[in-house]
PDB file of N, CA and C in Angstrom:
ATOM      1  N   MET A   1     -32.275   7.855 -32.569  1.00  0.00           N
ATOM      2  CA  MET A   1     -33.101   8.672 -33.135  1.00  0.00           C
ATOM      3  C   MET A   1     -33.190   8.657 -34.740  1.00  0.00           C
ATOM      4  N   PRO A   2     -34.253   9.529 -35.082  1.00  0.00           N
ATOM      5  CA  PRO A   2     -34.458   9.258 -35.917  1.00  0.00           C
ATOM      6  C   PRO A   2     -34.046  10.568 -36.386  1.00  0.00           C
ATOM      7  N   THR A   3     -33.962  11.379 -37.526  1.00  0.00           N
ATOM      8  CA  THR A   3     -33.368  13.019 -38.011  1.00  0.00           C
ATOM      9  C   THR A   3     -34.379  14.082 -37.092  1.00  0.00           C
ATOM     10  N   LEU A   4     -34.041  14.736 -36.642  1.00  0.00           N
ATOM     11  CA  LEU A   4     -34.776  15.389 -35.980  1.00  0.00           C
ATOM     12  C   LEU A   4     -34.884  16.955 -36.702  1.00  0.00           C
ATOM     13  N   THR A   5     -35.201  17.605 -37.375  1.00  0.00           N
ATOM     14  CA  THR A   5     -35.423  18.676 -37.778  1.00  0.00           C
ATOM     15  C   THR A   5     -36.218  19.899 -37.945  1.00  0.00           C
ATOM     16  N   PRO A   6     -35.936  21.269 -37.451  1.00  0.00           N
ATOM     17  CA  PRO A   6     -37.187  22.171 -36.892  1.00  0.00           C
ATOM     18  C   PRO A   6     -38.400  21.872 -37.893  1.00  0.00           C
ATOM     19  N   GLY A   7     -39.668  22.109 -37.252  1.00  0.00           N
ATOM     20  CA  GLY A   7     -40.703  22.209 -37.564  1.00  0.00           C
ATOM     21  C   GLY A   7     -41.288  20.784 -36.836  1.00  0.00           C
ATOM     22  N   LYS A   8     -40.518  19.602 -36.800  1.00  0.00           N
ATOM     23  CA  LYS A   8     -41.521  18.484 -35.985  1.00  0.00           C
ATOM     24  C   LYS A   8     -41.461  18.539 -35.385  1.00  0.00           C
ATOM     25  N   THR A   9     -42.860  18.012 -34.883  1.00  0.00           N
ATOM     26  CA  THR A   9     -43.133  17.722 -33.199  1.00  0.00           C
ATOM     27  C   THR A   9     -43.228  16.750 -33.140  1.00  0.00           C
ATOM     28  N   ILE A  10     -42.596  16.189 -31.874  1.00  0.00           N
ATOM     29  CA  ILE A  10     -41.765  14.922 -31.840  1.00  0.00           C
ATOM     30  C   ILE A  10     -42.312  14.611 -30.011  1.00  0.00           C
ATOM     31  N   ARG A  11     -42.831  13.290 -29.727  1.00  0.00           N
ATOM     32  CA  ARG A  11     -42.958  13.027 -28.364  1.00  0.00           C
ATOM     33  C   ARG A  11     -41.639  12.243 -27.719  1.00  0.00           C
ATOM     34  N   ILE A  12     -41.368  12.488 -26.649  1.00  0.00           N
ATOM     35  CA  ILE A  12     -39.944  11.802 -25.421  1.00  0.00           C
ATOM     36  C   ILE A  12     -39.932  11.232 -24.434  1.00  0.00           C
ATOM     37  N   ASP A  13     -40.044  10.403 -24.230  1.00  0.00           N
ATOM     38  CA  ASP A  13     -40.408   9.738 -23.113  1.00  0.00           C
ATOM     39  C   ASP A  13     -39.604  10.041 -21.908  1.00  0.00           C
ATOM     40  N   GLU A  14     -39.875  10.087 -21.182  1.00  0.00           N
ATOM     41  CA  GLU A  14     -39.216  11.148 -19.120  1.00  0.00           C
ATOM     42  C   GLU A  14     -37.962  10.384 -19.254  1.00  0.00           C
ATOM     43  N   PHE A  15     -37.411   9.944 -19.529  1.00  0.00           N
ATOM     44  CA  PHE A  15     -36.155   8.872 -19.303  1.00  0.00           C
ATOM     45  C   PHE A  15     -35.085   9.041 -20.205  1.00  0.00           C
ATOM     46  N   ASP A  16     -35.177   9.923 -21.308  1.00  0.00           N
ATOM     47  CA  ASP A  16     -34.801  10.204 -22.824  1.00  0.00           C
ATOM     48  C   ASP A  16     -33.927  11.155 -22.740  1.00  0.00           C
ATOM     49  N   TYR A  17     -35.120  12.093 -22.194  1.00  0.00           N
ATOM     50  CA  TYR A  17     -34.309  13.421 -21.721  1.00  0.00           C
ATOM     51  C   TYR A  17     -34.016  13.897 -20.639  1.00  0.00           C
ATOM     52  N   ALA A  18     -33.210  15.325 -20.320  1.00  0.00           N
ATOM     53  CA  ALA A  18     -32.296  15.705 -19.240  1.00  0.00           C
ATOM     54  C   ALA A  18     -33.151  17.554 -18.788  1.00  0.00           C
ATOM     55  N   TYR A  19     -34.049  17.390 -17.888  1.00  0.00           N
ATOM     56  CA  TYR A  19     -34.304  17.293 -17.082  1.00  0.00           C
ATOM     57  C   TYR A  19     -36.097  17.561 -16.887  1.00  0.00           C
ATOM     58  N   GLY A  20     -36.720  16.915 -16.839  1.00  0.00           N
ATOM     59  CA  GLY A  20     -38.413  17.144 -16.178  1.00  0.00           C
ATOM     60  C   GLY A  20     -39.196  15.768 -16.032  1.00  0.00           C
ATOM     61  N   LEU A  21     -40.138  16.161 -16.047  1.00  0.00           N
ATOM     62  CA  LEU A  21     -41.558  14.674 -15.419  1.00  0.00           C
ATOM     63  C   LEU A  21     -42.486  14.854 -16.182  1.00  0.00           C
ATOM     64  N   GLY A  22     -42.584  13.323 -16.871  1.00  0.00           N
ATOM     65  CA  GLY A  22     -43.384  12.956 -17.754  1.00  0.00           C
ATOM     66  C   GLY A  22     -42.952  13.178 -19.210  1.00  0.00           C
ATOM     67  N   PRO A  23     -43.581  12.345 -19.966  1.00  0.00           N
ATOM     68  CA  PRO A  23     -42.841  12.536 -21.423  1.00  0.00           C
ATOM     69  C   PRO A  23     -43.060  13.818 -21.764  1.00  0.00           C
ATOM     70  N   LEU A  24     -42.763  14.241 -22.843  1.00  0.00           N
ATOM     71  CA  LEU A  24     -42.712  15.597 -23.205  1.00  0.00           C
ATOM     72  C   LEU A  24     -42.754  15.744 -24.771  1.00  0.00           C
ATOM     73  N   THR A  25     -43.940  16.384 -25.377  1.00  0.00           N
ATOM     74  CA  THR A  25     -44.036  17.027 -26.399  1.00  0.00           C
ATOM     75  C   THR A  25     -43.167  18.353 -26.724  1.00  0.00           C
ATOM     76  N   LEU A  26     -42.578  17.679 -27.745  1.00  0.00           N
ATOM     77  CA  LEU A  26     -41.863  19.157 -28.490  1.00  0.00           C
ATOM     78  C   LEU A  26     -42.077  19.595 -30.032  1.00  0.00           C
ATOM     79  N   ARG A  27     -42.369  20.785 -30.259  1.00  0.00           N
ATOM     80  CA  ARG A  27     -42.210  20.881 -31.649  1.00  0.00           C
ATOM     81  C   ARG A  27     -40.697  22.027 -31.802  1.00  0.00           C
ATOM     82  N   VAL A  28     -40.302  21.017 -32.743  1.00  0.00           N
ATOM     83  CA  VAL A  28     -38.669  21.423 -32.647  1.00  0.00           C
ATOM     84  C   VAL A  28     -38.191  22.684 -33.487  1.00  0.00           C
ATOM     85  N   SER A  29     -36.847  23.290 -32.484  1.00  0.00           N
ATOM     86  CA  SER A  29     -36.734  24.786 -33.590  1.00  0.00           C
ATOM     87  C   SER A  29     -35.154  24.521 -33.461  1.00  0.00           C
ATOM     88  N   SER A  30     -34.503  23.722 -33.241  1.00  0.00           N
ATOM     89  CA  SER A  30     -33.340  23.503 -33.224  1.00  0.00           C
ATOM     90  C   SER A  30     -32.955  22.322 -32.258  1.00  0.00           C
ATOM     91  N   VAL A  31     -31.602  22.099 -33.127  1.00  0.00           N
ATOM     92  CA  VAL A  31     -31.126  20.634 -33.026  1.00  0.00           C
ATOM     93  C   VAL A  31     -29.448  20.817 -32.821  1.00  0.00           C
ATOM     94  N   SER A  32     -28.552  20.766 -31.923  1.00  0.00           N
ATOM     95  CA  SER A  32     -27.643  20.754 -31.484  1.00  0.00           C
ATOM     96  C   SER A  32     -26.278  19.701 -31.123  1.00  0.00           C
ATOM     97  N   PRO A  33     -25.490  19.374 -31.538  1.00  0.00           N
ATOM     98  CA  PRO A  33     -24.511  18.839 -31.075  1.00  0.00           C
ATOM     99  C   PRO A  33     -24.132  18.818 -29.215  1.00  0.00           C
ATOM    100  N   HIS A  34     -23.812  17.986 -28.477  1.00  0.00           N
ATOM    101  CA  HIS A  34     -23.391  18.309 -26.954  1.00  0.00           C
ATOM    102  C   HIS A  34     -22.506  17.672 -27.228  1.00  0.00           C
ATOM    103  N   GLN A  35     -21.293  18.431 -26.231  1.00  0.00           N
ATOM    104  CA  GLN A  35     -20.244  17.639 -25.846  1.00  0.00           C
ATOM    105  C   GLN A  35     -20.270  16.141 -25.388  1.00  0.00           C
ATOM    106  N   ASP A  36     -21.056  15.988 -25.040  1.00  0.00           N
ATOM    107  CA  ASP A  36     -21.306  14.289 -24.934  1.00  0.00           C
ATOM    108  C   ASP A  36     -21.658  13.335 -25.932  1.00  0.00           C
ATOM    109  N   PRO A  37     -21.175  12.612 -26.697  1.00  0.00           N
ATOM    110  CA  PRO A  37     -22.234  12.077 -27.576  1.00  0.00           C
ATOM    111  C   PRO A  37     -22.950  11.275 -27.475  1.00  0.00           C
ATOM    112  N   ALA A  38     -22.884  11.130 -26.121  1.00  0.00           N
ATOM    113  CA  ALA A  38     -24.615  10.640 -25.870  1.00  0.00           C
ATOM    114  C   ALA A  38     -25.555  11.606 -25.721  1.00  0.00           C
ATOM    115  N   TRP A  39     -25.343  12.722 -25.907  1.00  0.00           N
ATOM    116  CA  TRP A  39     -26.667  13.090 -25.633  1.00  0.00           C
ATOM    117  C   TRP A  39     -26.717  14.106 -26.964  1.00  0.00           C
ATOM    118  N   VAL A  40     -28.173  15.482 -27.131  1.00  0.00           N
ATOM    119  CA  VAL A  40     -28.252  15.705 -28.112  1.00  0.00           C
ATOM    120  C   VAL A  40     -28.340  17.194 -27.801  1.00  0.00           C
ATOM    121  N   ARG A  41     -28.554  17.788 -28.368  1.00  0.00           N
ATOM    122  CA  ARG A  41     -29.494  19.577 -27.646  1.00  0.00           C
ATOM    123  C   ARG A  41     -30.713  19.787 -27.887  1.00  0.00           C
ATOM    124  N   VAL A  42     -31.832  19.927 -28.105  1.00  0.00           N
ATOM    125  CA  VAL A  42     -32.783  20.220 -28.985  1.00  0.00           C
ATOM    126  C   VAL A  42     -34.056  20.904 -28.050  1.00  0.00           C
ATOM    127  N   THR A  43     -33.911  22.394 -28.939  1.00  0.00           N
ATOM    128  CA  THR A  43     -34.475  23.749 -28.133  1.00  0.00           C
ATOM    129  C   THR A  43     -36.208  23.310 -29.019  1.00  0.00           C
ATOM    130  N   GLY A  44     -36.899  23.496 -28.015  1.00  0.00           N
ATOM    131  CA  GLY A  44     -38.834  24.305 -29.799  1.00  0.00           C
ATOM    132  C   GLY A  44     -39.601  24.473 -28.205  1.00  0.00           C
ATOM    133  N   VAL A  45     -40.611  24.182 -28.578  1.00  0.00           N
ATOM    134  CA  VAL A  45     -41.752  24.839 -27.739  1.00  0.00           C
ATOM    135  C   VAL A  45     -41.972  23.821 -27.295  1.00  0.00           C
ATOM    136  N   GLU A  46     -42.931  23.613 -25.867  1.00  0.00           N
ATOM    137  CA  GLU A  46     -43.789  22.889 -25.618  1.00  0.00           C
ATOM    138  C   GLU A  46     -45.276  22.558 -25.920  1.00  0.00           C
ATOM    139  N   ILE A  47     -45.333  21.352 -26.478  1.00  0.00           N
ATOM    140  CA  ILE A  47     -47.183  21.513 -26.735  1.00  0.00           C
ATOM    141  C   ILE A  47     -47.862  20.962 -25.768  1.00  0.00           C
ATOM    142  N   ARG A  48     -48.325  21.572 -24.968  1.00  0.00           N
ATOM    143  CA  ARG A  48     -49.696  20.807 -23.671  1.00  0.00           C
ATOM    144  C   ARG A  48     -50.314  19.480 -24.004  1.00  0.00           C
ATOM    145  N   TRP A  49     -50.774  18.592 -23.200  1.00  0.00           N
ATOM    146  CA  TRP A  49     -51.508  17.970 -23.449  1.00  0.00           C
ATOM    147  C   TRP A  49     -53.300  18.809 -24.624  1.00  0.00           C
ATOM    148  N   THR A  50     -53.703  19.825 -24.101  1.00  0.00           N
ATOM    149  CA  THR A  50     -54.085  20.370 -24.626  1.00  0.00           C
ATOM    150  C   THR A  50     -54.526  21.176 -25.995  1.00  0.00           C
ATOM    151  N   GLY A  51     -53.233  20.678 -26.530  1.00  0.00           N
ATOM    152  CA  GLY A  51     -52.705  20.914 -27.970  1.00  0.00           C
ATOM    153  C   GLY A  51     -52.324  22.183 -27.965  1.00  0.00           C
ATOM    154  N   ARG A  52     -52.325  23.142 -27.220  1.00  0.00           N
ATOM    155  CA  ARG A  52     -51.207  24.783 -27.187  1.00  0.00           C
ATOM    156  C   ARG A  52     -50.290  24.438 -26.503  1.00  0.00           C
ATOM    157  N   GLU A  53     -50.113  25.814 -27.072  1.00  0.00           N
ATOM    158  CA  GLU A  53     -48.275  25.660 -26.994  1.00  0.00           C
ATOM    159  C   GLU A  53     -47.659  26.335 -25.257  1.00  0.00           C
ATOM    160  N   GLY A  54     -47.138  25.441 -24.961  1.00  0.00           N
ATOM    161  CA  GLY A  54     -46.357  26.004 -23.389  1.00  0.00           C
ATOM    162  C   GLY A  54     -44.946  26.901 -23.910  1.00  0.00           C
ATOM    163  N   PRO A  55     -44.168  26.391 -22.849  1.00  0.00           N
ATOM    164  CA  PRO A  55     -42.497  27.669 -22.967  1.00  0.00           C
ATOM    165  C   PRO A  55     -42.186  27.344 -23.782  1.00  0.00           C
ATOM    166  N   LEU A  56     -40.875  27.741 -24.202  1.00  0.00           N
ATOM    167  CA  LEU A  56     -39.249  27.241 -25.307  1.00  0.00           C
ATOM    168  C   LEU A  56     -38.534  26.420 -24.057  1.00  0.00           C
ATOM    169  N   ARG A  57     -38.229  25.112 -24.464  1.00  0.00           N
ATOM    170  CA  ARG A  57     -37.935  24.357 -23.687  1.00  0.00           C
ATOM    171  C   ARG A  57     -36.653  23.888 -24.735  1.00  0.00           C
ATOM    172  N   ASP A  58     -35.238  24.140 -23.831  1.00  0.00           N
ATOM    173  CA  ASP A  58     -33.960  23.447 -24.103  1.00  0.00           C
ATOM    174  C   ASP A  58     -33.446  22.358 -23.195  1.00  0.00           C
ATOM    175  N   VAL A  59     -33.590  20.892 -24.037  1.00  0.00           N
ATOM    176  CA  VAL A  59     -33.285  19.983 -23.400  1.00  0.00           C
ATOM    177  C   VAL A  59     -32.323  19.337 -24.186  1.00  0.00           C
ATOM    178  N   LEU A  60     -31.819  18.045 -23.133  1.00  0.00           N
ATOM    179  CA  LEU A  60     -30.917  17.278 -23.684  1.00  0.00           C
ATOM    180  C   LEU A  60     -31.586  15.631 -23.878  1.00  0.00           C
ATOM    181  N   VAL A  61     -31.115  15.628 -25.093  1.00  0.00           N
ATOM    182  CA  VAL A  61     -31.850  13.926 -25.506  1.00  0.00           C
ATOM    183  C   VAL A  61     -30.902  12.766 -25.601  1.00  0.00           C
ATOM    184  N   ARG A  62     -31.133  12.034 -25.066  1.00  0.00           N
ATOM    185  CA  ARG A  62     -30.581  10.708 -25.720  1.00  0.00           C
ATOM    186  C   ARG A  62     -30.122  10.443 -26.762  1.00  0.00           C
ATOM    187  N   ALA A  63     -29.262  10.387 -27.622  1.00  0.00           N
ATOM    188  CA  ALA A  63     -28.580  10.559 -28.712  1.00  0.00           C
ATOM    189  C   ALA A  63     -29.693   8.711 -29.056  1.00  0.00           C
ATOM    190  N   GLY A  64     -29.834   7.709 -28.184  1.00  0.00           N
ATOM    191  CA  GLY A  64     -30.257   6.662 -28.936  1.00  0.00           C
ATOM    192  C   GLY A  64     -32.049   6.423 -28.612  1.00  0.00           C
ATOM    193  N   ALA A  65     -32.298   8.039 -28.141  1.00  0.00           N
ATOM    194  CA  ALA A  65     -33.737   7.889 -27.677  1.00  0.00           C
ATOM    195  C   ALA A  65     -34.757   7.446 -28.744  1.00  0.00           C
ATOM    196  N   GLN A  66     -35.951   6.391 -27.860  1.00  0.00           N
ATOM    197  CA  GLN A  66     -36.772   6.490 -29.244  1.00  0.00           C
ATOM    198  C   GLN A  66     -37.924   7.450 -29.068  1.00  0.00           C
ATOM    199  N   VAL A  67     -37.914   8.650 -29.754  1.00  0.00           N
ATOM    200  CA  VAL A  67     -38.519   9.653 -30.375  1.00  0.00           C
ATOM    201  C   VAL A  67     -39.624   9.688 -31.266  1.00  0.00           C
ATOM    202  N   VAL A  68     -40.771   9.806 -30.750  1.00  0.00           N
ATOM    203  CA  VAL A  68     -42.022   9.532 -31.842  1.00  0.00           C
ATOM    204  C   VAL A  68     -42.559  10.872 -32.491  1.00  0.00           C
ATOM    205  N   GLU A  69     -42.576  11.145 -33.871  1.00  0.00           N
ATOM    206  CA  GLU A  69     -42.886  12.392 -34.559  1.00  0.00           C
ATOM    207  C   GLU A  69     -44.338  11.863 -34.075  1.00  0.00           C
ATOM    208  N   VAL A  70     -45.479  13.325 -33.576  1.00  0.00           N
ATOM    209  CA  VAL A  70     -46.860  13.242 -33.781  1.00  0.00           C
ATOM    210  C   VAL A  70     -46.918  14.520 -34.872  1.00  0.00           C
ATOM    211  N   SER A  71     -48.137  14.259 -35.314  1.00  0.00           N
ATOM    212  CA  SER A  71     -49.005  14.707 -35.890  1.00  0.00           C
ATOM    213  C   SER A  71     -49.169  16.389 -35.048  1.00  0.00           C
ATOM    214  N   SER A  72     -49.855  16.183 -33.725  1.00  0.00           N
ATOM    215  CA  SER A  72     -50.549  16.847 -32.900  1.00  0.00           C
ATOM    216  C   SER A  72     -50.016  16.836 -31.830  1.00  0.00           C
ATOM    217  N   ALA A  73     -50.913  17.531 -30.598  1.00  0.00           N
ATOM    218  CA  ALA A  73     -50.408  16.812 -28.963  1.00  0.00           C
ATOM    219  C   ALA A  73     -51.747  15.733 -28.600  1.00  0.00           C
ATOM    220  N   ARG A  74     -52.454  15.899 -29.706  1.00  0.00           N
ATOM    221  CA  ARG A  74     -53.724  14.501 -29.432  1.00  0.00           C
ATOM    222  C   ARG A  74     -53.372  13.084 -30.161  1.00  0.00           C
ATOM    223  N   ASP A  75     -52.466  12.868 -30.554  1.00  0.00           N
ATOM    224  CA  ASP A  75     -51.726  11.999 -31.217  1.00  0.00           C
ATOM    225  C   ASP A  75     -50.751  11.026 -30.283  1.00  0.00           C
ATOM    226  N   GLU A  76     -50.613  11.967 -28.843  1.00  0.00           N
ATOM    227  CA  GLU A  76     -49.845  10.732 -28.236  1.00  0.00           C
ATOM    228  C   GLU A  76     -50.402   9.934 -27.684  1.00  0.00           C
ATOM    229  N   GLY A  77     -51.426   8.634 -27.864  1.00  0.00           N
ATOM    230  CA  GLY A  77     -51.277   8.051 -27.182  1.00  0.00           C
ATOM    231  C   GLY A  77     -53.028   7.659 -26.607  1.00  0.00           C
ATOM    232  N   PRO A  78     -53.505   6.649 -26.048  1.00  0.00           N
ATOM    233  CA  PRO A  78     -54.432   6.585 -25.260  1.00  0.00           C
ATOM    234  C   PRO A  78     -54.556   8.175 -24.497  1.00  0.00           C
ATOM    235  N   SER A  79     -56.135   7.909 -24.355  1.00  0.00           N
ATOM    236  CA  SER A  79     -56.163   9.180 -23.102  1.00  0.00           C
ATOM    237  C   SER A  79     -56.488   8.346 -21.637  1.00  0.00           C
ATOM    238  N   ARG A  80     -56.322   9.015 -20.632  1.00  0.00           N
ATOM    239  CA  ARG A  80     -56.770   8.496 -19.109  1.00  0.00           C
ATOM    240  C   ARG A  80     -57.174   7.553 -18.708  1.00  0.00           C
ATOM    241  N   HIS A  81     -58.821   8.279 -19.880  1.00  0.00           N
ATOM    242  CA  HIS A  81     -59.895   7.351 -19.101  1.00  0.00           C
ATOM    243  C   HIS A  81     -60.278   5.966 -19.808  1.00  0.00           C
ATOM    244  N   GLU A  82     -59.581   5.662 -21.339  1.00  0.00           N
ATOM    245  CA  GLU A  82     -59.320   4.641 -21.646  1.00  0.00           C
ATOM    246  C   GLU A  82     -58.991   3.299 -20.978  1.00  0.00           C
ATOM    247  N   ALA A  83     -59.610   2.355 -20.941  1.00  0.00           N
ATOM    248  CA  ALA A  83     -58.741   1.113 -20.750  1.00  0.00           C
ATOM    249  C   ALA A  83     -57.730   0.219 -21.520  1.00  0.00           C
TER     250      ALA A  83
END
């Protein structure tokens, strides 16, 4: 996992965090170790697909996760309408 620092906006795949459905885009506000070294606790503001802020989230992210830093929610990849 790349270094996570407050202020970065990241996308986490569904199978790399607990608990939720679908990929999660989060603007990181804090990162702390977890008692199980396989996980890292990440707190931040959820960024919705519209680019608007959602709720504050506290999630466990796999230490080996392939998180992607994004500049905005619109950088998340192809839209559902693209083939």
